C-alpha atoms as a PDB file:
ATOM      1  CA  MET A   1      -7.503  12.551   4.616  1.00  0.00           C
ATOM      2  CA  LEU A   2      -3.915  11.328   5.038  1.00  0.00           C
ATOM      3  CA  ASN A   3      -2.586  10.361   8.463  1.00  0.00           C
ATOM      4  CA  GLU A   4       0.822  11.580   9.667  1.00  0.00           C
ATOM      5  CA  ALA A   5       2.682   8.519   8.356  1.00  0.00           C
ATOM      6  CA  ASP A   6       1.085   8.845   4.926  1.00  0.00           C
ATOM      7  CA  ILE A   7       1.869  12.567   4.843  1.00  0.00           C
ATOM      8  CA  GLY A   8       5.514  11.660   5.464  1.00  0.00           C
ATOM      9  CA  LYS A   9       5.461   8.994   2.760  1.00  0.00           C
ATOM     10  CA  LYS A  10       3.932  11.391   0.247  1.00  0.00           C
ATOM     11  CA  ALA A  11       6.485  14.095   1.093  1.00  0.00           C
ATOM     12  CA  VAL A  12       9.538  11.866   0.642  1.00  0.00           C
ATOM     13  CA  GLY A  13       8.103  10.171  -2.435  1.00  0.00           C
ATOM     14  CA  GLU A  14       7.607  13.516  -4.133  1.00  0.00           C
ATOM     15  CA  GLU A  15      11.040  14.719  -2.953  1.00  0.00           C
ATOM     16  CA  ALA A  16      12.722  11.642  -4.436  1.00  0.00           C
ATOM     17  CA  ALA A  17      11.124  12.291  -7.814  1.00  0.00           C
ATOM     18  CA  LYS A  18      13.185  15.499  -7.980  1.00  0.00           C
ATOM     19  CA  TYR A  19      16.338  13.370  -8.289  1.00  0.00           C
ATOM     20  CA  VAL A  20      15.141  11.990 -11.610  1.00  0.00           C
ATOM     21  CA  LYS A  21      16.447  13.836 -14.676  1.00  0.00           C
ATOM     22  CA  SER A  22      15.481  13.543 -18.341  1.00  0.00           C
ATOM     23  CA  GLY A  23      17.221  10.722 -20.142  1.00  0.00           C
ATOM     24  CA  MET A  24      17.547   8.556 -17.029  1.00  0.00           C
ATOM     25  CA  LYS A  25      16.802   4.866 -16.781  1.00  0.00           C
ATOM     26  CA  ILE A  26      15.502   4.265 -13.266  1.00  0.00           C
ATOM     27  CA  GLY A  27      14.622   1.380 -10.992  1.00  0.00           C
ATOM     28  CA  LEU A  28      11.166   1.677  -9.474  1.00  0.00           C
ATOM     29  CA  GLY A  29      10.970   0.008  -6.068  1.00  0.00           C
ATOM     30  CA  SER A  30       7.923  -1.289  -4.235  1.00  0.00           C
ATOM     31  CA  GLY A  31       5.690  -0.283  -1.371  1.00  0.00           C
ATOM     32  CA  SER A  32       3.408   2.476  -0.180  1.00  0.00           C
ATOM     33  CA  THR A  33       6.083   5.195  -0.168  1.00  0.00           C
ATOM     34  CA  VAL A  34       7.162   4.346  -3.719  1.00  0.00           C
ATOM     35  CA  TYR A  35       3.529   4.754  -4.794  1.00  0.00           C
ATOM     36  CA  TRP A  36       3.784   8.500  -4.188  1.00  0.00           C
ATOM     37  CA  MET A  37       7.089   8.703  -6.047  1.00  0.00           C
ATOM     38  CA  VAL A  38       5.670   6.932  -9.094  1.00  0.00           C
ATOM     39  CA  LYS A  39       2.573   9.131  -9.010  1.00  0.00           C
ATOM     40  CA  LYS A  40       4.760  12.273  -8.973  1.00  0.00           C
ATOM     41  CA  LEU A  41       6.922  10.882 -11.770  1.00  0.00           C
ATOM     42  CA  GLY A  42       3.801  10.451 -13.856  1.00  0.00           C
ATOM     43  CA  GLU A  43       3.004  14.139 -13.386  1.00  0.00           C
ATOM     44  CA  LEU A  44       6.549  15.090 -14.418  1.00  0.00           C
ATOM     45  CA  VAL A  45       6.335  12.846 -17.490  1.00  0.00           C
ATOM     46  CA  GLN A  46       3.182  14.710 -18.520  1.00  0.00           C
ATOM     47  CA  GLN A  47       5.220  17.914 -18.216  1.00  0.00           C
ATOM     48  CA  GLY A  48       7.916  16.576 -20.555  1.00  0.00           C
ATOM     49  CA  LEU A  49      10.280  14.496 -18.382  1.00  0.00           C
ATOM     50  CA  ASP A  50      11.865  11.763 -20.539  1.00  0.00           C
ATOM     51  CA  VAL A  51      12.495   8.655 -18.429  1.00  0.00           C
ATOM     52  CA  GLU A  52      12.083   4.892 -18.547  1.00  0.00           C
ATOM     53  CA  GLY A  53      11.673   2.696 -15.498  1.00  0.00           C
ATOM     54  CA  ILE A  54      12.116  -0.947 -14.578  1.00  0.00           C
ATOM     55  CA  PRO A  55       9.625  -1.968 -11.861  1.00  0.00           C
ATOM     56  CA  SER A  56      10.513  -4.329  -9.026  1.00  0.00           C
ATOM     57  CA  SER A  57       7.026  -5.790  -8.716  1.00  0.00           C
ATOM     58  CA  ASN A  58       3.845  -6.344 -10.682  1.00  0.00           C
ATOM     59  CA  GLN A  59       2.132  -3.839  -8.370  1.00  0.00           C
ATOM     60  CA  THR A  60       4.673  -1.135  -9.214  1.00  0.00           C
ATOM     61  CA  ALA A  61       4.315  -1.917 -12.924  1.00  0.00           C
ATOM     62  CA  ASP A  62       0.567  -1.385 -12.566  1.00  0.00           C
ATOM     63  CA  TRP A  63       1.137   1.981 -10.859  1.00  0.00           C
ATOM     64  CA  ALA A  64       3.557   3.059 -13.584  1.00  0.00           C
ATOM     65  CA  ARG A  65       1.036   2.230 -16.293  1.00  0.00           C
ATOM     66  CA  GLU A  66      -1.745   3.971 -14.348  1.00  0.00           C
ATOM     67  CA  PHE A  67       0.287   7.183 -13.986  1.00  0.00           C
ATOM     68  CA  GLY A  68       1.894   7.104 -17.437  1.00  0.00           C
ATOM     69  CA  VAL A  69       5.506   6.309 -16.540  1.00  0.00           C
ATOM     70  CA  PRO A  70       7.163   4.512 -19.505  1.00  0.00           C
ATOM     71  CA  LEU A  71       8.643   1.100 -18.707  1.00  0.00           C
ATOM     72  CA  THR A  72      11.568  -0.869 -20.118  1.00  0.00           C
ATOM     73  CA  ASN A  73      13.434  -4.070 -19.158  1.00  0.00           C
ATOM     74  CA  PHE A  74      16.914  -5.524 -18.810  1.00  0.00           C
ATOM     75  CA  SER A  75      16.943  -6.876 -22.361  1.00  0.00           C
ATOM     76  CA  LYS A  76      17.213  -3.226 -23.435  1.00  0.00           C
ATOM     77  CA  VAL A  77      19.077  -1.677 -20.486  1.00  0.00           C
ATOM     78  CA  ASP A  78      22.404  -2.792 -18.993  1.00  0.00           C
ATOM     79  CA  GLN A  79      22.648  -0.253 -16.180  1.00  0.00           C
ATOM     80  CA  LEU A  80      20.267   2.028 -14.337  1.00  0.00           C
ATOM     81  CA  ASP A  81      21.143   5.613 -13.453  1.00  0.00           C
ATOM     82  CA  LEU A  82      19.149   5.535 -10.254  1.00  0.00           C
ATOM     83  CA  THR A  83      16.940   3.246  -8.197  1.00  0.00           C
ATOM     84  CA  ILE A  84      14.435   4.634  -5.713  1.00  0.00           C
ATOM     85  CA  ASP A  85      12.904   2.232  -3.214  1.00  0.00           C
ATOM     86  CA  GLY A  86      11.467   1.985   0.279  1.00  0.00           C
ATOM     87  CA  ALA A  87      12.606  -0.096   3.256  1.00  0.00           C
ATOM     88  CA  ASP A  88      11.149  -1.812   6.312  1.00  0.00           C
ATOM     89  CA  GLU A  89      14.079  -0.812   8.528  1.00  0.00           C
ATOM     90  CA  VAL A  90      17.119   1.468   8.180  1.00  0.00           C
ATOM     91  CA  ASP A  91      19.874   1.337  10.794  1.00  0.00           C
ATOM     92  CA  GLU A  92      22.462   3.949  11.802  1.00  0.00           C
ATOM     93  CA  ASN A  93      24.876   2.705   9.103  1.00  0.00           C
ATOM     94  CA  LEU A  94      22.187   2.845   6.382  1.00  0.00           C
ATOM     95  CA  GLN A  95      21.927  -0.948   6.286  1.00  0.00           C
ATOM     96  CA  LEU A  96      18.453  -2.096   5.313  1.00  0.00           C
ATOM     97  CA  ILE A  97      15.834  -4.745   5.830  1.00  0.00           C
ATOM     98  CA  LYS A  98      13.456  -5.009   2.892  1.00  0.00           C
ATOM     99  CA  GLY A  99      10.961  -7.558   1.674  1.00  0.00           C
ATOM    100  CA  GLY A 100       7.850  -6.861   3.696  1.00  0.00           C
ATOM    101  CA  GLY A 101       5.940  -6.681   0.436  1.00  0.00           C
ATOM    102  CA  GLY A 102       7.569  -9.829  -0.923  1.00  0.00           C
ATOM    103  CA  ALA A 103       9.496  -8.189  -3.791  1.00  0.00           C
ATOM    104  CA  LEU A 104      12.986  -8.392  -2.260  1.00  0.00           C
ATOM    105  CA  PHE A 105      14.645 -10.350  -5.079  1.00  0.00           C
ATOM    106  CA  ARG A 106      13.643  -7.958  -7.846  1.00  0.00           C
ATOM    107  CA  GLU A 107      14.278  -5.008  -5.545  1.00  0.00           C
ATOM    108  CA  LYS A 108      17.837  -6.229  -5.052  1.00  0.00           C
ATOM    109  CA  VAL A 109      18.322  -6.733  -8.799  1.00  0.00           C
ATOM    110  CA  ILE A 110      17.358  -3.135  -9.615  1.00  0.00           C
ATOM    111  CA  ALA A 111      19.385  -1.845  -6.668  1.00  0.00           C
ATOM    112  CA  MET A 112      22.508  -3.707  -7.807  1.00  0.00           C
ATOM    113  CA  ALA A 113      22.022  -2.511 -11.387  1.00  0.00           C
ATOM    114  CA  ALA A 114      21.906   1.182 -10.401  1.00  0.00           C
ATOM    115  CA  LYS A 115      24.703   3.717 -10.093  1.00  0.00           C
ATOM    116  CA  GLU A 116      22.903   5.125  -7.056  1.00  0.00           C
ATOM    117  CA  LEU A 117      20.296   3.783  -4.618  1.00  0.00           C
ATOM    118  CA  ILE A 118      18.021   6.232  -2.838  1.00  0.00           C
ATOM    119  CA  ILE A 119      15.824   4.892  -0.039  1.00  0.00           C
ATOM    120  CA  ILE A 120      12.633   6.706   0.943  1.00  0.00           C
ATOM    121  CA  VAL A 121      11.000   6.063   4.324  1.00  0.00           C
ATOM    122  CA  ASP A 122       8.973   7.692   7.065  1.00  0.00           C
ATOM    123  CA  LYS A 123      10.710   8.226  10.412  1.00  0.00           C
ATOM    124  CA  SER A 124       9.187   5.090  11.958  1.00  0.00           C
ATOM    125  CA  LYS A 125      11.541   2.942   9.845  1.00  0.00           C
ATOM    126  CA  LEU A 126      14.722   4.296  11.485  1.00  0.00           C
ATOM    127  CA  VAL A 127      16.228   1.880  14.038  1.00  0.00           C
ATOM    128  CA  LYS A 128      19.443   1.522  16.033  1.00  0.00           C
ATOM    129  CA  HIS A 129      19.892  -2.126  15.030  1.00  0.00           C
ATOM    130  CA  LEU A 130      18.105  -4.157  12.370  1.00  0.00           C
ATOM    131  CA  GLY A 131      15.933  -7.079  13.366  1.00  0.00           C
ATOM    132  CA  GLU A 132      12.794  -5.927  15.125  1.00  0.00           C
ATOM    133  CA  PHE A 133      11.097  -6.323  11.748  1.00  0.00           C
ATOM    134  CA  PRO A 134      11.327 -10.010  10.739  1.00  0.00           C
ATOM    135  CA  LEU A 135      13.877 -10.655   7.997  1.00  0.00           C
ATOM    136  CA  SER A 136      12.301 -11.840   4.749  1.00  0.00           C
ATOM    137  CA  VAL A 137      14.118 -14.675   2.983  1.00  0.00           C
ATOM    138  CA  GLU A 138      12.924 -15.803  -0.455  1.00  0.00           C
ATOM    139  CA  VAL A 139      13.252 -19.572  -0.923  1.00  0.00           C
ATOM    140  CA  LEU A 140      12.498 -22.122  -3.607  1.00  0.00           C
ATOM    141  CA  PRO A 141       9.202 -23.958  -3.025  1.00  0.00           C
ATOM    142  CA  PHE A 142      10.810 -27.371  -3.614  1.00  0.00           C
ATOM    143  CA  GLY A 143      12.164 -28.603  -0.301  1.00  0.00           C
ATOM    144  CA  TRP A 144      11.352 -25.362   1.501  1.00  0.00           C
ATOM    145  CA  GLU A 145      10.839 -27.338   4.695  1.00  0.00           C
ATOM    146  CA  VAL A 146      14.498 -28.435   4.608  1.00  0.00           C
ATOM    147  CA  THR A 147      15.628 -24.891   3.830  1.00  0.00           C
ATOM    148  CA  GLU A 148      13.565 -23.606   6.743  1.00  0.00           C
ATOM    149  CA  LYS A 149      15.272 -25.999   9.177  1.00  0.00           C
ATOM    150  CA  LYS A 150      18.726 -24.915   7.967  1.00  0.00           C
ATOM    151  CA  ILE A 151      17.820 -21.250   8.398  1.00  0.00           C
ATOM    152  CA  ALA A 152      16.490 -21.889  11.915  1.00  0.00           C
ATOM    153  CA  LEU A 153      19.933 -23.226  12.902  1.00  0.00           C
ATOM    154  CA  LEU A 154      21.289 -19.686  12.456  1.00  0.00           C
ATOM    155  CA  GLY A 155      19.250 -18.615  15.486  1.00  0.00           C
ATOM    156  CA  CYS A 156      15.808 -17.557  14.350  1.00  0.00           C
ATOM    157  CA  GLN A 157      12.218 -18.682  14.188  1.00  0.00           C
ATOM    158  CA  PRO A 158      11.177 -18.803  10.508  1.00  0.00           C
ATOM    159  CA  THR A 159       7.509 -18.515   9.570  1.00  0.00           C
ATOM    160  CA  LEU A 160       6.154 -19.361   6.128  1.00  0.00           C
ATOM    161  CA  ARG A 161       4.372 -16.264   4.855  1.00  0.00           C
ATOM    162  CA  LYS A 162       0.702 -16.662   4.080  1.00  0.00           C
ATOM    163  CA  LYS A 163      -1.914 -14.361   2.625  1.00  0.00           C
ATOM    164  CA  ASP A 164      -5.650 -14.993   2.956  1.00  0.00           C
ATOM    165  CA  GLN A 165      -4.878 -18.404   4.501  1.00  0.00           C
ATOM    166  CA  GLU A 166      -2.904 -19.432   1.393  1.00  0.00           C
ATOM    167  CA  ILE A 167       0.873 -19.671   1.010  1.00  0.00           C
ATOM    168  CA  PHE A 168       2.176 -16.339  -0.295  1.00  0.00           C
ATOM    169  CA  VAL A 169       3.910 -16.740  -3.672  1.00  0.00           C
ATOM    170  CA  SER A 170       6.315 -14.056  -4.868  1.00  0.00           C
ATOM    171  CA  ASP A 171       6.241 -12.592  -8.379  1.00  0.00           C
ATOM    172  CA  ASN A 172       9.075 -15.064  -9.094  1.00  0.00           C
ATOM    173  CA  GLY A 173       6.989 -18.064  -8.019  1.00  0.00           C
ATOM    174  CA  ASN A 174       8.885 -18.567  -4.756  1.00  0.00           C
ATOM    175  CA  TYR A 175       7.970 -18.697  -1.062  1.00  0.00           C
ATOM    176  CA  ILE A 176       8.923 -16.184   1.640  1.00  0.00           C
ATOM    177  CA  LEU A 177      10.131 -17.146   5.114  1.00  0.00           C
ATOM    178  CA  ASP A 178       9.812 -14.343   7.676  1.00  0.00           C
ATOM    179  CA  CYS A 179      12.643 -14.918  10.122  1.00  0.00           C
ATOM    180  CA  ALA A 180      12.591 -13.428  13.617  1.00  0.00           C
ATOM    181  CA  PHE A 181      16.266 -13.020  14.538  1.00  0.00           C
ATOM    182  CA  GLY A 182      15.938 -10.219  17.069  1.00  0.00           C
ATOM    183  CA  GLU A 183      18.797  -7.699  16.911  1.00  0.00           C
ATOM    184  CA  ILE A 184      21.038  -8.326  13.908  1.00  0.00           C
ATOM    185  CA  MET A 185      24.463  -7.077  14.941  1.00  0.00           C
ATOM    186  CA  ASP A 186      26.332  -8.148  11.782  1.00  0.00           C
ATOM    187  CA  PRO A 187      23.999  -7.878   8.758  1.00  0.00           C
ATOM    188  CA  LYS A 188      26.746  -8.682   6.241  1.00  0.00           C
ATOM    189  CA  LYS A 189      27.757 -11.913   7.979  1.00  0.00           C
ATOM    190  CA  LEU A 190      24.139 -13.066   8.365  1.00  0.00           C
ATOM    191  CA  HIS A 191      23.389 -12.356   4.712  1.00  0.00           C
ATOM    192  CA  GLU A 192      26.416 -14.398   3.642  1.00  0.00           C
ATOM    193  CA  GLN A 193      25.473 -17.288   5.916  1.00  0.00           C
ATOM    194  CA  LEU A 194      21.929 -17.376   4.563  1.00  0.00           C
ATOM    195  CA  LYS A 195      23.058 -17.252   0.947  1.00  0.00           C
ATOM    196  CA  LEU A 196      25.169 -20.374   1.472  1.00  0.00           C
ATOM    197  CA  ILE A 197      22.042 -22.409   2.283  1.00  0.00           C
ATOM    198  CA  VAL A 198      20.775 -24.395  -0.696  1.00  0.00           C
ATOM    199  CA  GLY A 199      17.247 -23.257  -1.519  1.00  0.00           C
ATOM    200  CA  VAL A 200      17.735 -19.635  -0.467  1.00  0.00           C
ATOM    201  CA  VAL A 201      17.145 -17.358  -3.451  1.00  0.00           C
ATOM    202  CA  GLU A 202      17.781 -14.012  -1.738  1.00  0.00           C
ATOM    203  CA  THR A 203      17.612 -12.254   1.615  1.00  0.00           C
ATOM    204  CA  GLY A 204      16.017  -8.976   2.597  1.00  0.00           C
ATOM    205  CA  LEU A 205      19.324  -7.664   3.971  1.00  0.00           C
ATOM    206  CA  PHE A 206      20.585  -4.847   1.754  1.00  0.00           C
ATOM    207  CA  VAL A 207      24.138  -4.301   2.989  1.00  0.00           C
ATOM    208  CA  ASP A 208      26.296  -1.318   1.958  1.00  0.00           C
ATOM    209  CA  MET A 209      23.932  -0.472  -0.889  1.00  0.00           C
ATOM    210  CA  ALA A 210      22.076   2.737   0.044  1.00  0.00           C
ATOM    211  CA  ASN A 211      23.709   6.019  -0.996  1.00  0.00           C
ATOM    212  CA  GLU A 212      21.067   8.286   0.517  1.00  0.00           C
ATOM    213  CA  VAL A 213      18.022   7.871   2.726  1.00  0.00           C
ATOM    214  CA  ILE A 214      15.264  10.457   2.519  1.00  0.00           C
ATOM    215  CA  VAL A 215      13.238  10.456   5.745  1.00  0.00           C
ATOM    216  CA  GLY A 216       9.796  11.977   6.119  1.00  0.00           C
ATOM    217  CA  ASN A 217       8.458  13.275   9.431  1.00  0.00           C
ATOM    218  CA  GLY A 218       5.110  14.737   8.538  1.00  0.00           C
ATOM    219  CA  ASN A 219       5.915  17.416   5.963  1.00  0.00           C
ATOM    220  CA  GLU A 220       9.497  17.728   7.195  1.00  0.00           C
ATOM    221  CA  ILE A 221      12.219  15.978   5.216  1.00  0.00           C
ATOM    222  CA  GLU A 222      15.721  14.892   6.271  1.00  0.00           C
ATOM    223  CA  VAL A 223      18.343  13.501   3.900  1.00  0.00           C
ATOM    224  CA  ILE A 224      20.937  11.108   5.371  1.00  0.00           C
ATOM    225  CA  SER A 225      23.996  10.314   3.222  1.00  0.00           C
ATOM    226  CA  GLN A 226      26.772   7.768   3.512  1.00  0.00           C
END
């Protein structure tokens, strides 16, 4: 039995799959909402939909194989028609925080490679200002302690992400620092400042990238466009 949040995730995931047309090359994001989108895509593929996807995480690749969604890679594809992904927070200007699952770098690659980025979330992810959810920053393992100190100077408390008492390692072999900034009033400026720090691979700030956000509230769906 699905709870209200999961009902919303399933609804928007299945709604987003309707945006996918035959012949498209699509970016497959990460997270629990994307799971439902990939599952629905698999059903549409069985009905004759001709698509190929590039997954943003090993988990998403596993889902795609489980549900029969054909996969490709950037050695064969230069541009994606569409990327569909989730988010941890979406503000009033459709700026995003992503990276709660640790796939932010690959998520940003498939977002940047797409003609259009559609974000799918349940209503709990909508916020006035970004920052209540800690900002994920992917960093190189070598000298991460130095990188962490530089990031802290920007006004946050970074925490090295761990899983099962072990340091969490991204699919790219990097570490994740979860940075509690509080309200982020200028996401673009903060992203640029972080990217200038040696050792920072990528940030979870997705600025001016989302074209549409599909929001689920139970079985009700709202589409917010730029």
